[in-house]
Amino acid sequence: MSSVVVGGSLLAAAPVAARETVPFHDERAEPGTIVVRTKERRLYLVIGQGSAIRYPVAVGKMGKQWQGYTRISGKYVQPAWSPPDEMRRDNPRLPDVIQGGSPRNPMGLRAMTLAGGQYAIHGTNRPSSIGTFASYGCVRMHNADIVDLYDRVGVGSPVLMTP
């Protein structure tokens, strides 16, 4: 962890990439599987031999969480964002689309869509939300972490969302 001086005070700054390799065992997850543990607010990429790369994430708010098995259905660099139907119902003033690269775009640097719905694993323009229950069901990651994960998995990779 690095330090930053702000207004004469020394503050601890969050690491840019907080990922780490950790022991991991889940008989449902073969190497290459992404496992999101909602209560932990952590995403694990299973790398085999009892290990996984662990990333901090933001997950769905209470009432917006889901569980189950799916796959990565698409991968996008600087993705545009269109609000999901449920979000648009809650806030009809949202724009139809925010172009990729815009500082207002909540998708960050990369996105991987999930089969069977309007969810994705993506970066964020709100890094302070990482580690919280913040989304409508998507999984948010630090931009450096989503770039790392994006480079490690492909379309078709399995995703398991657990409580």
N, C-alpha and C. Protein backbone atom coordinates (compact mmCIF):
# COMPACT_ATOMS: atom_id res chain seq x y z
N MET A 1 0.85 -1.17 0.00
CA MET A 1 0.00 0.00 0.00
C MET A 1 0.90 1.23 0.00
N SER A 2 0.54 2.21 -0.80
CA SER A 2 1.32 3.44 -0.87
C SER A 2 0.67 4.51 0.00
N SER A 3 1.39 5.62 0.17
CA SER A 3 0.86 6.74 0.96
C SER A 3 0.79 7.98 0.10
N VAL A 4 -0.14 8.86 0.44
CA VAL A 4 -0.34 10.10 -0.28
C VAL A 4 -0.46 11.21 0.74
N VAL A 5 0.15 12.37 0.46
CA VAL A 5 0.01 13.53 1.34
C VAL A 5 -1.10 14.41 0.77
N VAL A 6 -2.13 14.67 1.60
CA VAL A 6 -3.25 15.51 1.21
C VAL A 6 -3.43 16.56 2.29
N GLY A 7 -3.31 17.81 1.93
CA GLY A 7 -3.50 18.89 2.89
C GLY A 7 -2.59 18.77 4.10
N GLY A 8 -1.39 18.27 3.88
CA GLY A 8 -0.43 18.14 4.96
C GLY A 8 -0.58 16.88 5.79
N SER A 9 -1.60 16.06 5.49
CA SER A 9 -1.82 14.81 6.23
C SER A 9 -1.40 13.62 5.38
N LEU A 10 -0.82 12.63 6.01
CA LEU A 10 -0.41 11.41 5.33
C LEU A 10 -1.57 10.42 5.35
N LEU A 11 -2.05 10.02 4.17
CA LEU A 11 -3.17 9.09 4.06
C LEU A 11 -2.73 7.84 3.33
N ALA A 12 -3.27 6.70 3.70
CA ALA A 12 -3.01 5.46 2.99
C ALA A 12 -3.86 5.44 1.73
N ALA A 13 -3.24 5.15 0.62
CA ALA A 13 -3.96 5.07 -0.66
C ALA A 13 -4.23 3.61 -0.97
N ALA A 14 -5.40 3.33 -1.53
CA ALA A 14 -5.73 1.96 -1.92
C ALA A 14 -4.80 1.52 -3.03
N PRO A 15 -4.39 0.27 -3.02
CA PRO A 15 -3.53 -0.21 -4.09
C PRO A 15 -4.27 -0.16 -5.42
N VAL A 16 -3.54 0.11 -6.50
CA VAL A 16 -4.15 0.17 -7.82
C VAL A 16 -4.73 -1.20 -8.18
N ALA A 17 -3.96 -2.25 -7.93
CA ALA A 17 -4.41 -3.60 -8.23
C ALA A 17 -4.33 -4.41 -6.94
N ALA A 18 -5.46 -4.69 -6.34
CA ALA A 18 -5.49 -5.36 -5.04
C ALA A 18 -5.63 -6.87 -5.19
N ARG A 19 -5.32 -7.40 -6.35
CA ARG A 19 -5.47 -8.84 -6.55
C ARG A 19 -4.31 -9.59 -5.89
N GLU A 20 -4.60 -10.85 -5.54
CA GLU A 20 -3.56 -11.69 -4.95
C GLU A 20 -3.91 -13.15 -5.20
N THR A 21 -2.90 -14.01 -5.20
CA THR A 21 -3.12 -15.44 -5.34
C THR A 21 -3.32 -16.03 -3.95
N VAL A 22 -4.41 -16.82 -3.81
CA VAL A 22 -4.79 -17.37 -2.51
C VAL A 22 -5.17 -18.85 -2.66
N PRO A 23 -5.14 -19.60 -1.55
CA PRO A 23 -5.66 -20.97 -1.61
C PRO A 23 -7.16 -20.93 -1.93
N PHE A 24 -7.63 -21.88 -2.73
CA PHE A 24 -9.04 -21.89 -3.11
C PHE A 24 -9.47 -23.31 -3.42
N HIS A 25 -10.59 -23.71 -2.82
CA HIS A 25 -11.13 -25.05 -3.06
C HIS A 25 -12.65 -24.94 -3.22
N ASP A 26 -13.14 -25.37 -4.36
CA ASP A 26 -14.57 -25.45 -4.63
C ASP A 26 -14.71 -26.50 -5.72
N GLU A 27 -15.28 -27.64 -5.37
CA GLU A 27 -15.37 -28.77 -6.31
C GLU A 27 -16.17 -28.42 -7.57
N ARG A 28 -16.96 -27.36 -7.55
CA ARG A 28 -17.75 -26.97 -8.73
C ARG A 28 -16.94 -26.17 -9.73
N ALA A 29 -15.72 -25.76 -9.36
CA ALA A 29 -14.97 -24.80 -10.17
C ALA A 29 -13.65 -25.38 -10.66
N GLU A 30 -13.60 -25.65 -11.95
CA GLU A 30 -12.37 -26.12 -12.58
C GLU A 30 -11.49 -24.91 -12.93
N PRO A 31 -10.21 -25.14 -13.23
CA PRO A 31 -9.36 -24.02 -13.65
C PRO A 31 -10.00 -23.25 -14.81
N GLY A 32 -9.93 -21.93 -14.73
CA GLY A 32 -10.54 -21.06 -15.73
C GLY A 32 -11.92 -20.57 -15.35
N THR A 33 -12.48 -21.10 -14.27
CA THR A 33 -13.81 -20.68 -13.80
C THR A 33 -13.68 -19.41 -12.96
N ILE A 34 -14.60 -18.49 -13.17
CA ILE A 34 -14.73 -17.30 -12.35
C ILE A 34 -15.79 -17.58 -11.30
N VAL A 35 -15.45 -17.40 -10.03
CA VAL A 35 -16.40 -17.59 -8.94
C VAL A 35 -16.54 -16.26 -8.22
N VAL A 36 -17.77 -15.76 -8.11
CA VAL A 36 -18.04 -14.53 -7.37
C VAL A 36 -18.75 -14.92 -6.09
N ARG A 37 -18.15 -14.57 -4.97
CA ARG A 37 -18.77 -14.80 -3.66
C ARG A 37 -19.33 -13.47 -3.16
N THR A 38 -20.64 -13.35 -3.31
CA THR A 38 -21.33 -12.09 -3.05
C THR A 38 -21.09 -11.57 -1.64
N LYS A 39 -21.27 -12.42 -0.62
CA LYS A 39 -21.09 -11.95 0.76
C LYS A 39 -19.69 -11.43 1.01
N GLU A 40 -18.71 -12.05 0.39
CA GLU A 40 -17.31 -11.62 0.56
C GLU A 40 -16.98 -10.38 -0.27
N ARG A 41 -17.78 -10.14 -1.32
CA ARG A 41 -17.47 -9.11 -2.29
C ARG A 41 -16.07 -9.34 -2.87
N ARG A 42 -15.90 -10.59 -3.33
CA ARG A 42 -14.65 -11.04 -3.94
C ARG A 42 -14.96 -11.88 -5.16
N LEU A 43 -14.11 -11.75 -6.16
CA LEU A 43 -14.17 -12.58 -7.36
C LEU A 43 -12.90 -13.41 -7.37
N TYR A 44 -13.05 -14.70 -7.68
CA TYR A 44 -11.92 -15.62 -7.74
C TYR A 44 -11.81 -16.17 -9.16
N LEU A 45 -10.63 -16.13 -9.73
CA LEU A 45 -10.35 -16.83 -10.98
C LEU A 45 -9.55 -18.06 -10.59
N VAL A 46 -10.17 -19.23 -10.77
CA VAL A 46 -9.54 -20.48 -10.38
C VAL A 46 -8.39 -20.77 -11.35
N ILE A 47 -7.20 -20.95 -10.79
CA ILE A 47 -6.02 -21.22 -11.64
C ILE A 47 -5.51 -22.64 -11.48
N GLY A 48 -6.12 -23.40 -10.59
CA GLY A 48 -5.76 -24.80 -10.43
C GLY A 48 -4.84 -25.05 -9.26
N GLN A 49 -4.61 -26.34 -8.98
CA GLN A 49 -3.74 -26.78 -7.90
C GLN A 49 -4.10 -26.11 -6.57
N GLY A 50 -5.40 -25.95 -6.33
CA GLY A 50 -5.87 -25.39 -5.07
C GLY A 50 -5.64 -23.91 -4.91
N SER A 51 -5.53 -23.18 -6.03
CA SER A 51 -5.26 -21.74 -5.98
C SER A 51 -6.21 -20.96 -6.88
N ALA A 52 -6.36 -19.69 -6.54
CA ALA A 52 -7.14 -18.77 -7.36
C ALA A 52 -6.55 -17.37 -7.20
N ILE A 53 -6.80 -16.55 -8.19
CA ILE A 53 -6.48 -15.13 -8.08
C ILE A 53 -7.73 -14.47 -7.52
N ARG A 54 -7.57 -13.74 -6.42
CA ARG A 54 -8.70 -13.10 -5.75
C ARG A 54 -8.66 -11.60 -6.03
N TYR A 55 -9.82 -11.06 -6.41
CA TYR A 55 -9.97 -9.64 -6.71
C TYR A 55 -11.09 -9.08 -5.83
N PRO A 56 -10.94 -7.87 -5.30
CA PRO A 56 -12.07 -7.22 -4.63
C PRO A 56 -13.04 -6.70 -5.67
N VAL A 57 -14.34 -6.77 -5.38
CA VAL A 57 -15.36 -6.33 -6.32
C VAL A 57 -16.50 -5.64 -5.59
N ALA A 58 -17.33 -4.95 -6.35
CA ALA A 58 -18.64 -4.49 -5.87
C ALA A 58 -19.66 -5.43 -6.50
N VAL A 59 -20.71 -5.74 -5.75
CA VAL A 59 -21.75 -6.65 -6.22
C VAL A 59 -23.11 -5.98 -6.08
N GLY A 60 -24.15 -6.73 -6.42
CA GLY A 60 -25.51 -6.19 -6.38
C GLY A 60 -25.96 -5.75 -5.00
N LYS A 61 -26.74 -4.68 -5.00
CA LYS A 61 -27.39 -4.21 -3.77
C LYS A 61 -28.36 -5.28 -3.29
N MET A 62 -28.78 -5.18 -2.05
CA MET A 62 -29.80 -6.10 -1.55
C MET A 62 -31.02 -6.00 -2.46
N GLY A 63 -31.55 -7.13 -2.84
CA GLY A 63 -32.69 -7.18 -3.75
C GLY A 63 -32.29 -7.15 -5.21
N LYS A 64 -31.02 -6.91 -5.50
CA LYS A 64 -30.54 -6.87 -6.89
C LYS A 64 -29.50 -7.96 -7.13
N GLN A 65 -29.32 -8.85 -6.17
CA GLN A 65 -28.33 -9.91 -6.28
C GLN A 65 -28.94 -11.13 -6.97
N TRP A 66 -28.08 -11.93 -7.56
CA TRP A 66 -28.52 -13.15 -8.20
C TRP A 66 -27.48 -14.24 -7.94
N GLN A 67 -27.88 -15.47 -8.14
CA GLN A 67 -26.99 -16.60 -7.97
C GLN A 67 -27.17 -17.53 -9.15
N GLY A 68 -26.13 -18.28 -9.43
CA GLY A 68 -26.25 -19.27 -10.48
C GLY A 68 -25.00 -19.38 -11.32
N TYR A 69 -25.17 -20.14 -12.38
CA TYR A 69 -24.09 -20.47 -13.29
C TYR A 69 -24.37 -19.86 -14.65
N THR A 70 -23.36 -19.24 -15.25
CA THR A 70 -23.49 -18.69 -16.59
C THR A 70 -22.12 -18.75 -17.26
N ARG A 71 -21.98 -18.09 -18.37
CA ARG A 71 -20.70 -18.03 -19.09
C ARG A 71 -20.48 -16.61 -19.60
N ILE A 72 -19.23 -16.30 -19.87
CA ILE A 72 -18.88 -15.03 -20.52
C ILE A 72 -19.41 -15.12 -21.95
N SER A 73 -20.25 -14.16 -22.35
CA SER A 73 -20.83 -14.19 -23.70
C SER A 73 -20.20 -13.18 -24.65
N GLY A 74 -19.47 -12.20 -24.10
CA GLY A 74 -18.81 -11.21 -24.96
C GLY A 74 -17.76 -10.45 -24.18
N LYS A 75 -16.78 -9.92 -24.91
CA LYS A 75 -15.70 -9.14 -24.29
C LYS A 75 -15.55 -7.83 -25.06
N TYR A 76 -15.43 -6.70 -24.31
CA TYR A 76 -15.44 -5.39 -24.94
C TYR A 76 -14.40 -4.46 -24.31
N VAL A 77 -13.70 -3.73 -25.17
CA VAL A 77 -12.74 -2.71 -24.74
C VAL A 77 -13.42 -1.35 -24.85
N GLN A 78 -13.28 -0.52 -23.83
CA GLN A 78 -13.93 0.81 -23.79
C GLN A 78 -15.41 0.68 -24.19
N PRO A 79 -16.16 -0.16 -23.47
CA PRO A 79 -17.55 -0.42 -23.88
C PRO A 79 -18.46 0.78 -23.68
N ALA A 80 -19.41 0.92 -24.59
CA ALA A 80 -20.50 1.86 -24.38
C ALA A 80 -21.41 1.26 -23.31
N TRP A 81 -22.23 2.09 -22.68
CA TRP A 81 -23.14 1.61 -21.64
C TRP A 81 -24.56 2.03 -21.94
N SER A 82 -25.46 1.08 -21.88
CA SER A 82 -26.90 1.33 -21.94
C SER A 82 -27.49 0.83 -20.64
N PRO A 83 -28.28 1.63 -19.95
CA PRO A 83 -28.84 1.19 -18.67
C PRO A 83 -29.72 -0.05 -18.84
N PRO A 84 -29.59 -1.03 -17.94
CA PRO A 84 -30.49 -2.18 -17.99
C PRO A 84 -31.94 -1.74 -17.77
N ASP A 85 -32.87 -2.56 -18.21
CA ASP A 85 -34.30 -2.23 -18.12
C ASP A 85 -34.71 -1.86 -16.70
N GLU A 86 -34.28 -2.64 -15.71
CA GLU A 86 -34.68 -2.37 -14.32
C GLU A 86 -34.16 -1.02 -13.84
N MET A 87 -32.96 -0.68 -14.22
CA MET A 87 -32.38 0.61 -13.83
C MET A 87 -33.13 1.76 -14.50
N ARG A 88 -33.49 1.55 -15.74
CA ARG A 88 -34.25 2.59 -16.48
C ARG A 88 -35.62 2.80 -15.86
N ARG A 89 -36.25 1.71 -15.39
CA ARG A 89 -37.56 1.85 -14.71
C ARG A 89 -37.39 2.69 -13.44
N ASP A 90 -36.31 2.47 -12.70
CA ASP A 90 -36.08 3.21 -11.46
C ASP A 90 -35.66 4.65 -11.71
N ASN A 91 -35.03 4.91 -12.84
CA ASN A 91 -34.53 6.25 -13.15
C ASN A 91 -34.71 6.53 -14.65
N PRO A 92 -35.92 6.92 -15.06
CA PRO A 92 -36.21 7.09 -16.49
C PRO A 92 -35.41 8.22 -17.15
N ARG A 93 -34.76 9.06 -16.38
CA ARG A 93 -33.98 10.16 -16.96
C ARG A 93 -32.59 9.74 -17.45
N LEU A 94 -32.22 8.50 -17.21
CA LEU A 94 -30.91 8.04 -17.67
C LEU A 94 -30.83 8.13 -19.19
N PRO A 95 -29.65 8.44 -19.72
CA PRO A 95 -29.51 8.48 -21.18
C PRO A 95 -29.64 7.08 -21.77
N ASP A 96 -29.95 7.02 -23.06
CA ASP A 96 -30.05 5.72 -23.74
C ASP A 96 -28.69 5.03 -23.80
N VAL A 97 -27.64 5.81 -24.06
CA VAL A 97 -26.28 5.27 -24.21
C VAL A 97 -25.28 6.31 -23.72
N ILE A 98 -24.23 5.82 -23.05
CA ILE A 98 -23.06 6.65 -22.76
C ILE A 98 -21.89 5.98 -23.47
N GLN A 99 -21.24 6.71 -24.34
CA GLN A 99 -20.17 6.16 -25.15
C GLN A 99 -18.98 5.72 -24.30
N GLY A 100 -18.28 4.70 -24.77
CA GLY A 100 -17.06 4.23 -24.11
C GLY A 100 -16.03 5.34 -24.06
N GLY A 101 -15.26 5.38 -22.99
CA GLY A 101 -14.23 6.40 -22.82
C GLY A 101 -14.73 7.65 -22.12
N SER A 102 -16.04 7.83 -22.02
CA SER A 102 -16.58 9.00 -21.33
C SER A 102 -16.37 8.84 -19.83
N PRO A 103 -16.00 9.91 -19.12
CA PRO A 103 -15.85 9.80 -17.67
C PRO A 103 -17.18 9.48 -16.96
N ARG A 104 -18.31 9.70 -17.65
CA ARG A 104 -19.63 9.37 -17.08
C ARG A 104 -20.01 7.91 -17.28
N ASN A 105 -19.23 7.18 -18.11
CA ASN A 105 -19.54 5.79 -18.42
C ASN A 105 -19.17 4.89 -17.24
N PRO A 106 -20.14 4.19 -16.64
CA PRO A 106 -19.87 3.36 -15.47
C PRO A 106 -19.19 2.02 -15.78
N MET A 107 -18.93 1.71 -17.04
CA MET A 107 -18.37 0.40 -17.41
C MET A 107 -16.85 0.32 -17.28
N GLY A 108 -16.17 1.44 -17.17
CA GLY A 108 -14.73 1.39 -17.05
C GLY A 108 -14.04 0.99 -18.35
N LEU A 109 -12.84 0.43 -18.20
CA LEU A 109 -11.98 0.15 -19.36
C LEU A 109 -12.34 -1.12 -20.12
N ARG A 110 -12.96 -2.09 -19.46
CA ARG A 110 -13.31 -3.36 -20.09
C ARG A 110 -14.63 -3.85 -19.52
N ALA A 111 -15.30 -4.69 -20.32
CA ALA A 111 -16.52 -5.35 -19.84
C ALA A 111 -16.61 -6.73 -20.47
N MET A 112 -17.13 -7.66 -19.67
CA MET A 112 -17.40 -9.01 -20.16
C MET A 112 -18.86 -9.29 -19.83
N THR A 113 -19.67 -9.42 -20.87
CA THR A 113 -21.10 -9.67 -20.65
C THR A 113 -21.32 -11.12 -20.26
N LEU A 114 -22.41 -11.33 -19.53
CA LEU A 114 -22.75 -12.66 -19.05
C LEU A 114 -23.98 -13.16 -19.79
N ALA A 115 -23.96 -14.41 -20.21
CA ALA A 115 -25.06 -15.00 -20.97
C ALA A 115 -26.33 -15.01 -20.13
N GLY A 116 -27.46 -14.80 -20.79
CA GLY A 116 -28.76 -14.98 -20.16
C GLY A 116 -29.32 -13.77 -19.44
N GLY A 117 -28.76 -12.60 -19.61
CA GLY A 117 -29.31 -11.44 -18.91
C GLY A 117 -28.62 -10.16 -19.32
N GLN A 118 -28.82 -9.13 -18.52
CA GLN A 118 -28.23 -7.83 -18.81
C GLN A 118 -27.09 -7.52 -17.85
N TYR A 119 -26.39 -8.54 -17.38
CA TYR A 119 -25.32 -8.36 -16.41
C TYR A 119 -23.95 -8.47 -17.08
N ALA A 120 -22.96 -7.88 -16.40
CA ALA A 120 -21.59 -7.93 -16.89
C ALA A 120 -20.63 -7.89 -15.71
N ILE A 121 -19.42 -8.31 -15.96
CA ILE A 121 -18.28 -8.07 -15.08
C ILE A 121 -17.53 -6.95 -15.77
N HIS A 122 -17.33 -5.82 -15.08
CA HIS A 122 -16.77 -4.66 -15.76
C HIS A 122 -15.96 -3.79 -14.81
N GLY A 123 -15.23 -2.86 -15.39
CA GLY A 123 -14.51 -1.86 -14.61
C GLY A 123 -15.49 -0.85 -14.04
N THR A 124 -14.96 0.26 -13.54
CA THR A 124 -15.87 1.25 -12.97
C THR A 124 -15.25 2.65 -13.03
N ASN A 125 -16.11 3.64 -13.08
CA ASN A 125 -15.68 5.04 -12.94
C ASN A 125 -15.87 5.49 -11.50
N ARG A 126 -16.24 4.56 -10.61
CA ARG A 126 -16.42 4.84 -9.18
C ARG A 126 -15.63 3.82 -8.35
N PRO A 127 -14.29 3.93 -8.34
CA PRO A 127 -13.49 2.93 -7.62
C PRO A 127 -13.82 2.84 -6.13
N SER A 128 -14.37 3.90 -5.55
CA SER A 128 -14.73 3.85 -4.13
C SER A 128 -15.87 2.86 -3.86
N SER A 129 -16.58 2.41 -4.90
CA SER A 129 -17.67 1.45 -4.72
C SER A 129 -17.15 0.01 -4.56
N ILE A 130 -15.91 -0.24 -4.93
CA ILE A 130 -15.35 -1.59 -4.81
C ILE A 130 -15.35 -2.00 -3.34
N GLY A 131 -15.80 -3.22 -3.09
CA GLY A 131 -15.92 -3.72 -1.72
C GLY A 131 -17.29 -3.48 -1.11
N THR A 132 -18.23 -2.98 -1.92
CA THR A 132 -19.56 -2.66 -1.39
C THR A 132 -20.64 -3.41 -2.17
N PHE A 133 -21.87 -3.25 -1.72
CA PHE A 133 -23.06 -3.74 -2.42
C PHE A 133 -23.61 -2.52 -3.15
N ALA A 134 -23.32 -2.37 -4.44
CA ALA A 134 -23.57 -1.10 -5.10
C ALA A 134 -24.32 -1.19 -6.42
N SER A 135 -24.37 -2.35 -7.06
CA SER A 135 -24.85 -2.40 -8.43
C SER A 135 -26.27 -2.95 -8.53
N TYR A 136 -26.75 -3.04 -9.74
CA TYR A 136 -28.04 -3.66 -10.06
C TYR A 136 -27.86 -5.12 -10.44
N GLY A 137 -26.73 -5.71 -10.08
CA GLY A 137 -26.48 -7.12 -10.36
C GLY A 137 -25.18 -7.38 -11.09
N CYS A 138 -24.58 -6.32 -11.64
CA CYS A 138 -23.28 -6.47 -12.28
C CYS A 138 -22.19 -6.61 -11.22
N VAL A 139 -21.03 -7.05 -11.66
CA VAL A 139 -19.86 -7.16 -10.81
C VAL A 139 -18.88 -6.08 -11.27
N ARG A 140 -18.55 -5.15 -10.37
CA ARG A 140 -17.63 -4.06 -10.67
C ARG A 140 -16.24 -4.38 -10.14
N MET A 141 -15.23 -3.98 -10.92
CA MET A 141 -13.84 -4.22 -10.51
C MET A 141 -13.04 -2.94 -10.71
N HIS A 142 -11.92 -2.84 -9.98
CA HIS A 142 -10.97 -1.76 -10.28
C HIS A 142 -10.58 -1.91 -11.75
N ASN A 143 -10.36 -0.80 -12.44
CA ASN A 143 -10.01 -0.87 -13.86
C ASN A 143 -8.76 -1.70 -14.12
N ALA A 144 -7.73 -1.58 -13.27
CA ALA A 144 -6.51 -2.38 -13.46
C ALA A 144 -6.83 -3.87 -13.32
N ASP A 145 -7.76 -4.21 -12.42
CA ASP A 145 -8.11 -5.61 -12.20
C ASP A 145 -8.95 -6.17 -13.34
N ILE A 146 -9.90 -5.39 -13.89
CA ILE A 146 -10.70 -5.91 -14.99
C ILE A 146 -9.82 -6.11 -16.23
N VAL A 147 -8.83 -5.24 -16.43
CA VAL A 147 -7.91 -5.43 -17.56
C VAL A 147 -7.13 -6.74 -17.36
N ASP A 148 -6.68 -6.99 -16.14
CA ASP A 148 -5.95 -8.23 -15.85
C ASP A 148 -6.84 -9.45 -16.09
N LEU A 149 -8.06 -9.45 -15.54
CA LEU A 149 -8.97 -10.58 -15.70
C LEU A 149 -9.35 -10.77 -17.17
N TYR A 150 -9.63 -9.68 -17.86
CA TYR A 150 -10.02 -9.70 -19.27
C TYR A 150 -8.97 -10.43 -20.11
N ASP A 151 -7.70 -10.18 -19.79
CA ASP A 151 -6.61 -10.82 -20.53
C ASP A 151 -6.44 -12.30 -20.19
N ARG A 152 -7.03 -12.76 -19.10
CA ARG A 152 -6.85 -14.14 -18.64
C ARG A 152 -7.97 -15.09 -19.03
N VAL A 153 -9.14 -14.56 -19.40
CA VAL A 153 -10.29 -15.43 -19.70
C VAL A 153 -10.83 -15.13 -21.10
N GLY A 154 -11.59 -16.06 -21.63
CA GLY A 154 -12.16 -15.89 -22.96
C GLY A 154 -13.66 -16.02 -22.96
N VAL A 155 -14.25 -15.73 -24.11
CA VAL A 155 -15.68 -15.95 -24.30
C VAL A 155 -15.94 -17.43 -24.07
N GLY A 156 -16.97 -17.73 -23.32
CA GLY A 156 -17.30 -19.11 -22.98
C GLY A 156 -16.81 -19.53 -21.61
N SER A 157 -15.94 -18.73 -21.00
CA SER A 157 -15.44 -19.08 -19.66
C SER A 157 -16.61 -19.17 -18.69
N PRO A 158 -16.61 -20.20 -17.81
CA PRO A 158 -17.71 -20.35 -16.85
C PRO A 158 -17.63 -19.32 -15.73
N VAL A 159 -18.81 -18.91 -15.27
CA VAL A 159 -18.96 -17.96 -14.17
C VAL A 159 -19.96 -18.55 -13.18
N LEU A 160 -19.58 -18.61 -11.91
CA LEU A 160 -20.44 -19.11 -10.86
C LEU A 160 -20.64 -18.00 -9.83
N MET A 161 -21.87 -17.55 -9.67
CA MET A 161 -22.20 -16.51 -8.69
C MET A 161 -22.82 -17.21 -7.48
N THR A 162 -22.16 -17.04 -6.33
CA THR A 162 -22.61 -17.71 -5.10
C THR A 162 -22.96 -16.68 -4.03
N PRO A 163 -23.71 -17.11 -3.02
CA PRO A 163 -24.03 -16.16 -1.93
C PRO A 163 -22.80 -15.65 -1.23
